[in-house]
Amino acid sequence: MKTIRVQYFALLREERGLAEETVATAAATAAELYDELRVRHGFTLPRERLRAAVNEEFAPWTAGLKEGDALVFLPPVAGG
């Protein structure tokens, strides 16, 4: 298990009810962690609609996670 700090924006923040949380996980990648959190929190956005950033840099979903990483899930931007 490792501890990851996760930040949520827009719809994900609304659905979670938090802007940030620290999670203990065995997930090896950003994709595995999102899938885990999607089930746990009932997120409605499929992973394909999001981008991931690990330690403030955009990362592929296959990016490995290590203890203490900061992960941000970025939903599509809405606006007009």
PDB file of N, CA and C in Angstrom:
ATOM      1  N   MET A   1       0.845  -1.191   0.000  1.00  0.00           N
ATOM      2  CA  MET A   1       0.000   0.000   0.000  1.00  0.00           C
ATOM      3  C   MET A   1       0.882   1.243   0.000  1.00  0.00           C
ATOM      4  N   LYS A   2       0.397   2.234  -0.689  1.00  0.00           N
ATOM      5  CA  LYS A   2       1.090   3.516  -0.715  1.00  0.00           C
ATOM      6  C   LYS A   2       0.065   4.630  -0.504  1.00  0.00           C
ATOM      7  N   THR A   3       0.550   5.770  -0.080  1.00  0.00           N
ATOM      8  CA  THR A   3      -0.312   6.923   0.151  1.00  0.00           C
ATOM      9  C   THR A   3      -0.132   7.899  -1.001  1.00  0.00           C
ATOM     10  N   ILE A   4      -1.255   8.278  -1.621  1.00  0.00           N
ATOM     11  CA  ILE A   4      -1.271   9.189  -2.761  1.00  0.00           C
ATOM     12  C   ILE A   4      -2.202  10.349  -2.420  1.00  0.00           C
ATOM     13  N   ARG A   5      -1.764  11.563  -2.726  1.00  0.00           N
ATOM     14  CA  ARG A   5      -2.633  12.739  -2.558  1.00  0.00           C
ATOM     15  C   ARG A   5      -3.358  12.963  -3.882  1.00  0.00           C
ATOM     16  N   VAL A   6      -4.672  12.999  -3.843  1.00  0.00           N
ATOM     17  CA  VAL A   6      -5.480  13.134  -5.047  1.00  0.00           C
ATOM     18  C   VAL A   6      -6.255  14.441  -4.997  1.00  0.00           C
ATOM     19  N   GLN A   7      -6.212  15.195  -6.101  1.00  0.00           N
ATOM     20  CA  GLN A   7      -6.981  16.432  -6.209  1.00  0.00           C
ATOM     21  C   GLN A   7      -8.062  16.235  -7.263  1.00  0.00           C
ATOM     22  N   TYR A   8      -9.223  16.836  -6.994  1.00  0.00           N
ATOM     23  CA  TYR A   8     -10.364  16.744  -7.897  1.00  0.00           C
ATOM     24  C   TYR A   8     -10.783  18.141  -8.346  1.00  0.00           C
ATOM     25  N   PHE A   9     -11.200  18.247  -9.599  1.00  0.00           N
ATOM     26  CA  PHE A   9     -11.686  19.512 -10.135  1.00  0.00           C
ATOM     27  C   PHE A   9     -13.035  19.307 -10.808  1.00  0.00           C
ATOM     28  N   ALA A  10     -13.792  20.389 -10.914  1.00  0.00           N
ATOM     29  CA  ALA A  10     -15.052  20.442 -11.653  1.00  0.00           C
ATOM     30  C   ALA A  10     -16.007  19.332 -11.222  1.00  0.00           C
ATOM     31  N   LEU A  11     -16.498  18.549 -12.178  1.00  0.00           N
ATOM     32  CA  LEU A  11     -17.502  17.521 -11.899  1.00  0.00           C
ATOM     33  C   LEU A  11     -17.017  16.510 -10.870  1.00  0.00           C
ATOM     34  N   LEU A  12     -15.742  16.126 -10.945  1.00  0.00           N
ATOM     35  CA  LEU A  12     -15.230  15.155  -9.973  1.00  0.00           C
ATOM     36  C   LEU A  12     -15.276  15.715  -8.557  1.00  0.00           C
ATOM     37  N   ARG A  13     -14.964  16.991  -8.404  1.00  0.00           N
ATOM     38  CA  ARG A  13     -15.023  17.621  -7.084  1.00  0.00           C
ATOM     39  C   ARG A  13     -16.465  17.649  -6.580  1.00  0.00           C
ATOM     40  N   GLU A  14     -17.399  17.949  -7.479  1.00  0.00           N
ATOM     41  CA  GLU A  14     -18.810  17.963  -7.089  1.00  0.00           C
ATOM     42  C   GLU A  14     -19.266  16.568  -6.669  1.00  0.00           C
ATOM     43  N   GLU A  15     -18.900  15.554  -7.451  1.00  0.00           N
ATOM     44  CA  GLU A  15     -19.333  14.198  -7.151  1.00  0.00           C
ATOM     45  C   GLU A  15     -18.687  13.655  -5.875  1.00  0.00           C
ATOM     46  N   ARG A  16     -17.454  14.020  -5.621  1.00  0.00           N
ATOM     47  CA  ARG A  16     -16.754  13.540  -4.432  1.00  0.00           C
ATOM     48  C   ARG A  16     -17.118  14.352  -3.204  1.00  0.00           C
ATOM     49  N   GLY A  17     -17.411  15.649  -3.410  1.00  0.00           N
ATOM     50  CA  GLY A  17     -17.706  16.514  -2.280  1.00  0.00           C
ATOM     51  C   GLY A  17     -16.452  17.029  -1.594  1.00  0.00           C
ATOM     52  N   LEU A  18     -15.308  16.806  -2.228  1.00  0.00           N
ATOM     53  CA  LEU A  18     -14.017  17.262  -1.704  1.00  0.00           C
ATOM     54  C   LEU A  18     -13.155  17.739  -2.865  1.00  0.00           C
ATOM     55  N   ALA A  19     -12.256  18.673  -2.578  1.00  0.00           N
ATOM     56  CA  ALA A  19     -11.302  19.107  -3.592  1.00  0.00           C
ATOM     57  C   ALA A  19     -10.038  18.254  -3.555  1.00  0.00           C
ATOM     58  N   GLU A  20      -9.772  17.639  -2.401  1.00  0.00           N
ATOM     59  CA  GLU A  20      -8.521  16.882  -2.241  1.00  0.00           C
ATOM     60  C   GLU A  20      -8.689  15.842  -1.141  1.00  0.00           C
ATOM     61  N   GLU A  21      -8.017  14.722  -1.299  1.00  0.00           N
ATOM     62  CA  GLU A  21      -7.981  13.709  -0.251  1.00  0.00           C
ATOM     63  C   GLU A  21      -6.699  12.911  -0.378  1.00  0.00           C
ATOM     64  N   THR A  22      -6.342  12.248   0.690  1.00  0.00           N
ATOM     65  CA  THR A  22      -5.206  11.346   0.690  1.00  0.00           C
ATOM     66  C   THR A  22      -5.762   9.931   0.765  1.00  0.00           C
ATOM     67  N   VAL A  23      -5.327   9.088  -0.169  1.00  0.00           N
ATOM     68  CA  VAL A  23      -5.843   7.721  -0.209  1.00  0.00           C
ATOM     69  C   VAL A  23      -4.707   6.718  -0.051  1.00  0.00           C
ATOM     70  N   ALA A  24      -5.017   5.622   0.609  1.00  0.00           N
ATOM     71  CA  ALA A  24      -4.106   4.487   0.698  1.00  0.00           C
ATOM     72  C   ALA A  24      -4.559   3.501  -0.360  1.00  0.00           C
ATOM     73  N   THR A  25      -3.640   3.088  -1.231  1.00  0.00           N
ATOM     74  CA  THR A  25      -4.015   2.246  -2.356  1.00  0.00           C
ATOM     75  C   THR A  25      -2.910   1.270  -2.713  1.00  0.00           C
ATOM     76  N   ALA A  26      -3.312   0.196  -3.343  1.00  0.00           N
ATOM     77  CA  ALA A  26      -2.354  -0.751  -3.916  1.00  0.00           C
ATOM     78  C   ALA A  26      -2.266  -0.555  -5.426  1.00  0.00           C
ATOM     79  N   ALA A  27      -3.000   0.429  -5.964  1.00  0.00           N
ATOM     80  CA  ALA A  27      -2.999   0.692  -7.407  1.00  0.00           C
ATOM     81  C   ALA A  27      -1.576   0.996  -7.878  1.00  0.00           C
ATOM     82  N   ALA A  28      -1.200   0.388  -8.995  1.00  0.00           N
ATOM     83  CA  ALA A  28       0.152   0.570  -9.525  1.00  0.00           C
ATOM     84  C   ALA A  28       0.246   1.732 -10.511  1.00  0.00           C
ATOM     85  N   THR A  29      -0.891   2.100 -11.117  1.00  0.00           N
ATOM     86  CA  THR A  29      -0.885   3.144 -12.147  1.00  0.00           C
ATOM     87  C   THR A  29      -1.999   4.153 -11.883  1.00  0.00           C
ATOM     88  N   ALA A  30      -1.915   5.278 -12.593  1.00  0.00           N
ATOM     89  CA  ALA A  30      -2.961   6.292 -12.509  1.00  0.00           C
ATOM     90  C   ALA A  30      -4.303   5.698 -12.944  1.00  0.00           C
ATOM     91  N   ALA A  31      -4.298   4.870 -13.978  1.00  0.00           N
ATOM     92  CA  ALA A  31      -5.532   4.241 -14.463  1.00  0.00           C
ATOM     93  C   ALA A  31      -6.156   3.358 -13.398  1.00  0.00           C
ATOM     94  N   GLU A  32      -5.354   2.533 -12.754  1.00  0.00           N
ATOM     95  CA  GLU A  32      -5.877   1.643 -11.719  1.00  0.00           C
ATOM     96  C   GLU A  32      -6.467   2.443 -10.563  1.00  0.00           C
ATOM     97  N   LEU A  33      -5.815   3.543 -10.200  1.00  0.00           N
ATOM     98  CA  LEU A  33      -6.324   4.338  -9.090  1.00  0.00           C
ATOM     99  C   LEU A  33      -7.629   5.015  -9.479  1.00  0.00           C
ATOM    100  N   TYR A  34      -7.721   5.566 -10.685  1.00  0.00           N
ATOM    101  CA  TYR A  34      -8.983   6.195 -11.083  1.00  0.00           C
ATOM    102  C   TYR A  34     -10.096   5.160 -11.090  1.00  0.00           C
ATOM    103  N   ASP A  35      -9.840   3.987 -11.644  1.00  0.00           N
ATOM    104  CA  ASP A  35     -10.867   2.947 -11.686  1.00  0.00           C
ATOM    105  C   ASP A  35     -11.315   2.570 -10.272  1.00  0.00           C
ATOM    106  N   GLU A  36     -10.362   2.481  -9.356  1.00  0.00           N
ATOM    107  CA  GLU A  36     -10.680   2.180  -7.953  1.00  0.00           C
ATOM    108  C   GLU A  36     -11.549   3.276  -7.343  1.00  0.00           C
ATOM    109  N   LEU A  37     -11.156   4.530  -7.558  1.00  0.00           N
ATOM    110  CA  LEU A  37     -11.894   5.653  -6.986  1.00  0.00           C
ATOM    111  C   LEU A  37     -13.253   5.835  -7.655  1.00  0.00           C
ATOM    112  N   ARG A  38     -13.340   5.519  -8.928  1.00  0.00           N
ATOM    113  CA  ARG A  38     -14.615   5.639  -9.645  1.00  0.00           C
ATOM    114  C   ARG A  38     -15.652   4.706  -9.021  1.00  0.00           C
ATOM    115  N   VAL A  39     -15.235   3.493  -8.710  1.00  0.00           N
ATOM    116  CA  VAL A  39     -16.140   2.543  -8.064  1.00  0.00           C
ATOM    117  C   VAL A  39     -16.464   3.021  -6.641  1.00  0.00           C
ATOM    118  N   ARG A  40     -15.453   3.424  -5.905  1.00  0.00           N
ATOM    119  CA  ARG A  40     -15.630   3.820  -4.501  1.00  0.00           C
ATOM    120  C   ARG A  40     -16.533   5.044  -4.354  1.00  0.00           C
ATOM    121  N   HIS A  41     -16.358   6.030  -5.243  1.00  0.00           N
ATOM    122  CA  HIS A  41     -17.064   7.306  -5.088  1.00  0.00           C
ATOM    123  C   HIS A  41     -18.196   7.514  -6.092  1.00  0.00           C
ATOM    124  N   GLY A  42     -18.369   6.606  -7.032  1.00  0.00           N
ATOM    125  CA  GLY A  42     -19.459   6.725  -7.994  1.00  0.00           C
ATOM    126  C   GLY A  42     -19.249   7.782  -9.068  1.00  0.00           C
ATOM    127  N   PHE A  43     -17.992   8.026  -9.432  1.00  0.00           N
ATOM    128  CA  PHE A  43     -17.733   9.009 -10.487  1.00  0.00           C
ATOM    129  C   PHE A  43     -18.413   8.590 -11.785  1.00  0.00           C
ATOM    130  N   THR A  44     -18.983   9.558 -12.486  1.00  0.00           N
ATOM    131  CA  THR A  44     -19.717   9.265 -13.715  1.00  0.00           C
ATOM    132  C   THR A  44     -18.865   9.393 -14.977  1.00  0.00           C
ATOM    133  N   LEU A  45     -17.745  10.089 -14.895  1.00  0.00           N
ATOM    134  CA  LEU A  45     -16.911  10.272 -16.084  1.00  0.00           C
ATOM    135  C   LEU A  45     -16.046   9.042 -16.355  1.00  0.00           C
ATOM    136  N   PRO A  46     -16.096   8.535 -17.586  1.00  0.00           N
ATOM    137  CA  PRO A  46     -15.184   7.438 -17.927  1.00  0.00           C
ATOM    138  C   PRO A  46     -13.753   7.971 -18.020  1.00  0.00           C
ATOM    139  N   ARG A  47     -12.817   7.115 -17.752  1.00  0.00           N
ATOM    140  CA  ARG A  47     -11.401   7.519 -17.756  1.00  0.00           C
ATOM    141  C   ARG A  47     -10.991   8.172 -19.073  1.00  0.00           C
ATOM    142  N   GLU A  48     -11.556   7.702 -20.177  1.00  0.00           N
ATOM    143  CA  GLU A  48     -11.187   8.222 -21.501  1.00  0.00           C
ATOM    144  C   GLU A  48     -11.489   9.715 -21.659  1.00  0.00           C
ATOM    145  N   ARG A  49     -12.334  10.260 -20.790  1.00  0.00           N
ATOM    146  CA  ARG A  49     -12.686  11.679 -20.882  1.00  0.00           C
ATOM    147  C   ARG A  49     -11.790  12.555 -20.012  1.00  0.00           C
ATOM    148  N   LEU A  50     -10.852  11.948 -19.292  1.00  0.00           N
ATOM    149  CA  LEU A  50     -10.004  12.678 -18.353  1.00  0.00           C
ATOM    150  C   LEU A  50      -8.546  12.675 -18.787  1.00  0.00           C
ATOM    151  N   ARG A  51      -7.802  13.593 -18.195  1.00  0.00           N
ATOM    152  CA  ARG A  51      -6.336  13.563 -18.265  1.00  0.00           C
ATOM    153  C   ARG A  51      -5.833  13.366 -16.842  1.00  0.00           C
ATOM    154  N   ALA A  52      -4.645  12.808 -16.739  1.00  0.00           N
ATOM    155  CA  ALA A  52      -4.027  12.622 -15.424  1.00  0.00           C
ATOM    156  C   ALA A  52      -2.733  13.425 -15.372  1.00  0.00           C
ATOM    157  N   ALA A  53      -2.450  13.974 -14.206  1.00  0.00           N
ATOM    158  CA  ALA A  53      -1.178  14.649 -13.970  1.00  0.00           C
ATOM    159  C   ALA A  53      -0.600  14.079 -12.679  1.00  0.00           C
ATOM    160  N   VAL A  54       0.639  13.661 -12.765  1.00  0.00           N
ATOM    161  CA  VAL A  54       1.338  13.122 -11.600  1.00  0.00           C
ATOM    162  C   VAL A  54       2.451  14.102 -11.238  1.00  0.00           C
ATOM    163  N   ASN A  55       2.430  14.564 -10.000  1.00  0.00           N
ATOM    164  CA  ASN A  55       3.429  15.525  -9.522  1.00  0.00           C
ATOM    165  C   ASN A  55       3.544  16.730 -10.451  1.00  0.00           C
ATOM    166  N   GLU A  56       2.364  17.262 -10.811  1.00  0.00           N
ATOM    167  CA  GLU A  56       2.226  18.502 -11.588  1.00  0.00           C
ATOM    168  C   GLU A  56       2.655  18.392 -13.044  1.00  0.00           C
ATOM    169  N   GLU A  57       2.753  17.176 -13.581  1.00  0.00           N
ATOM    170  CA  GLU A  57       3.084  16.999 -14.999  1.00  0.00           C
ATOM    171  C   GLU A  57       2.101  16.018 -15.613  1.00  0.00           C
ATOM    172  N   PHE A  58       1.586  16.373 -16.802  1.00  0.00           N
ATOM    173  CA  PHE A  58       0.704  15.440 -17.490  1.00  0.00           C
ATOM    174  C   PHE A  58       1.417  14.108 -17.645  1.00  0.00           C
ATOM    175  N   ALA A  59       0.660  13.042 -17.449  1.00  0.00           N
ATOM    176  CA  ALA A  59       1.250  11.706 -17.482  1.00  0.00           C
ATOM    177  C   ALA A  59       0.297  10.756 -18.199  1.00  0.00           C
ATOM    178  N   PRO A  60       0.836   9.715 -18.819  1.00  0.00           N
ATOM    179  CA  PRO A  60      -0.037   8.707 -19.421  1.00  0.00           C
ATOM    180  C   PRO A  60      -0.742   7.925 -18.310  1.00  0.00           C
ATOM    181  N   TRP A  61      -1.863   7.333 -18.661  1.00  0.00           N
ATOM    182  CA  TRP A  61      -2.604   6.549 -17.677  1.00  0.00           C
ATOM    183  C   TRP A  61      -1.788   5.377 -17.151  1.00  0.00           C
ATOM    184  N   THR A  62      -0.788   4.969 -17.897  1.00  0.00           N
ATOM    185  CA  THR A  62       0.057   3.849 -17.485  1.00  0.00           C
ATOM    186  C   THR A  62       1.177   4.277 -16.536  1.00  0.00           C
ATOM    187  N   ALA A  63       1.223   5.572 -16.213  1.00  0.00           N
ATOM    188  CA  ALA A  63       2.273   6.084 -15.328  1.00  0.00           C
ATOM    189  C   ALA A  63       2.218   5.365 -13.983  1.00  0.00           C
ATOM    190  N   GLY A  64       3.362   4.901 -13.532  1.00  0.00           N
ATOM    191  CA  GLY A  64       3.457   4.236 -12.239  1.00  0.00           C
ATOM    192  C   GLY A  64       3.319   5.225 -11.099  1.00  0.00           C
ATOM    193  N   LEU A  65       2.747   4.766 -10.016  1.00  0.00           N
ATOM    194  CA  LEU A  65       2.590   5.600  -8.828  1.00  0.00           C
ATOM    195  C   LEU A  65       3.509   5.104  -7.728  1.00  0.00           C
ATOM    196  N   LYS A  66       4.046   6.071  -6.960  1.00  0.00           N
ATOM    197  CA  LYS A  66       4.887   5.699  -5.827  1.00  0.00           C
ATOM    198  C   LYS A  66       4.450   6.476  -4.594  1.00  0.00           C
ATOM    199  N   GLU A  67       4.873   6.013  -3.464  1.00  0.00           N
ATOM    200  CA  GLU A  67       4.526   6.632  -2.185  1.00  0.00           C
ATOM    201  C   GLU A  67       4.734   8.138  -2.232  1.00  0.00           C
ATOM    202  N   GLY A  68       3.691   8.881  -1.801  1.00  0.00           N
ATOM    203  CA  GLY A  68       3.804  10.327  -1.693  1.00  0.00           C
ATOM    204  C   GLY A  68       3.508  11.099  -2.961  1.00  0.00           C
ATOM    205  N   ASP A  69       3.192  10.421  -4.066  1.00  0.00           N
ATOM    206  CA  ASP A  69       2.870  11.136  -5.306  1.00  0.00           C
ATOM    207  C   ASP A  69       1.620  11.994  -5.116  1.00  0.00           C
ATOM    208  N   ALA A  70       1.544  13.040  -5.928  1.00  0.00           N
ATOM    209  CA  ALA A  70       0.345  13.870  -6.002  1.00  0.00           C
ATOM    210  C   ALA A  70      -0.270  13.636  -7.373  1.00  0.00           C
ATOM    211  N   LEU A  71      -1.532  13.280  -7.400  1.00  0.00           N
ATOM    212  CA  LEU A  71      -2.223  12.941  -8.639  1.00  0.00           C
ATOM    213  C   LEU A  71      -3.431  13.837  -8.801  1.00  0.00           C
ATOM    214  N   VAL A  72      -3.590  14.371 -10.009  1.00  0.00           N
ATOM    215  CA  VAL A  72      -4.741  15.210 -10.323  1.00  0.00           C
ATOM    216  C   VAL A  72      -5.463  14.563 -11.503  1.00  0.00           C
ATOM    217  N   PHE A  73      -6.771  14.432 -11.373  1.00  0.00           N
ATOM    218  CA  PHE A  73      -7.601  13.980 -12.488  1.00  0.00           C
ATOM    219  C   PHE A  73      -8.286  15.219 -13.062  1.00  0.00           C
ATOM    220  N   LEU A  74      -8.050  15.487 -14.352  1.00  0.00           N
ATOM    221  CA  LEU A  74      -8.553  16.689 -14.986  1.00  0.00           C
ATOM    222  C   LEU A  74      -9.679  16.348 -15.949  1.00  0.00           C
ATOM    223  N   PRO A  75     -10.908  16.769 -15.618  1.00  0.00           N
ATOM    224  CA  PRO A  75     -12.028  16.522 -16.510  1.00  0.00           C
ATOM    225  C   PRO A  75     -12.013  17.517 -17.672  1.00  0.00           C
ATOM    226  N   PRO A  76     -12.839  17.262 -18.687  1.00  0.00           N
ATOM    227  CA  PRO A  76     -12.901  18.209 -19.808  1.00  0.00           C
ATOM    228  C   PRO A  76     -13.337  19.579 -19.317  1.00  0.00           C
ATOM    229  N   VAL A  77     -12.848  20.601 -19.963  1.00  0.00           N
ATOM    230  CA  VAL A  77     -13.176  21.967 -19.596  1.00  0.00           C
ATOM    231  C   VAL A  77     -14.477  22.359 -20.298  1.00  0.00           C
ATOM    232  N   ALA A  78     -15.386  22.886 -19.533  1.00  0.00           N
ATOM    233  CA  ALA A  78     -16.629  23.388 -20.107  1.00  0.00           C
ATOM    234  C   ALA A  78     -16.566  24.909 -20.117  1.00  0.00           C
ATOM    235  N   GLY A  79     -17.223  25.495 -21.040  1.00  0.00           N
ATOM    236  CA  GLY A  79     -17.226  26.950 -21.063  1.00  0.00           C
ATOM    237  C   GLY A  79     -17.911  27.444 -22.307  1.00  0.00           C
ATOM    238  N   GLY A  80     -17.918  28.732 -22.433  1.00  0.00           N
ATOM    239  CA  GLY A  80     -18.612  29.274 -23.600  1.00  0.00           C
ATOM    240  C   GLY A  80     -18.242  30.709 -23.780  1.00  0.00           C
TER     241      GLY A  80
END
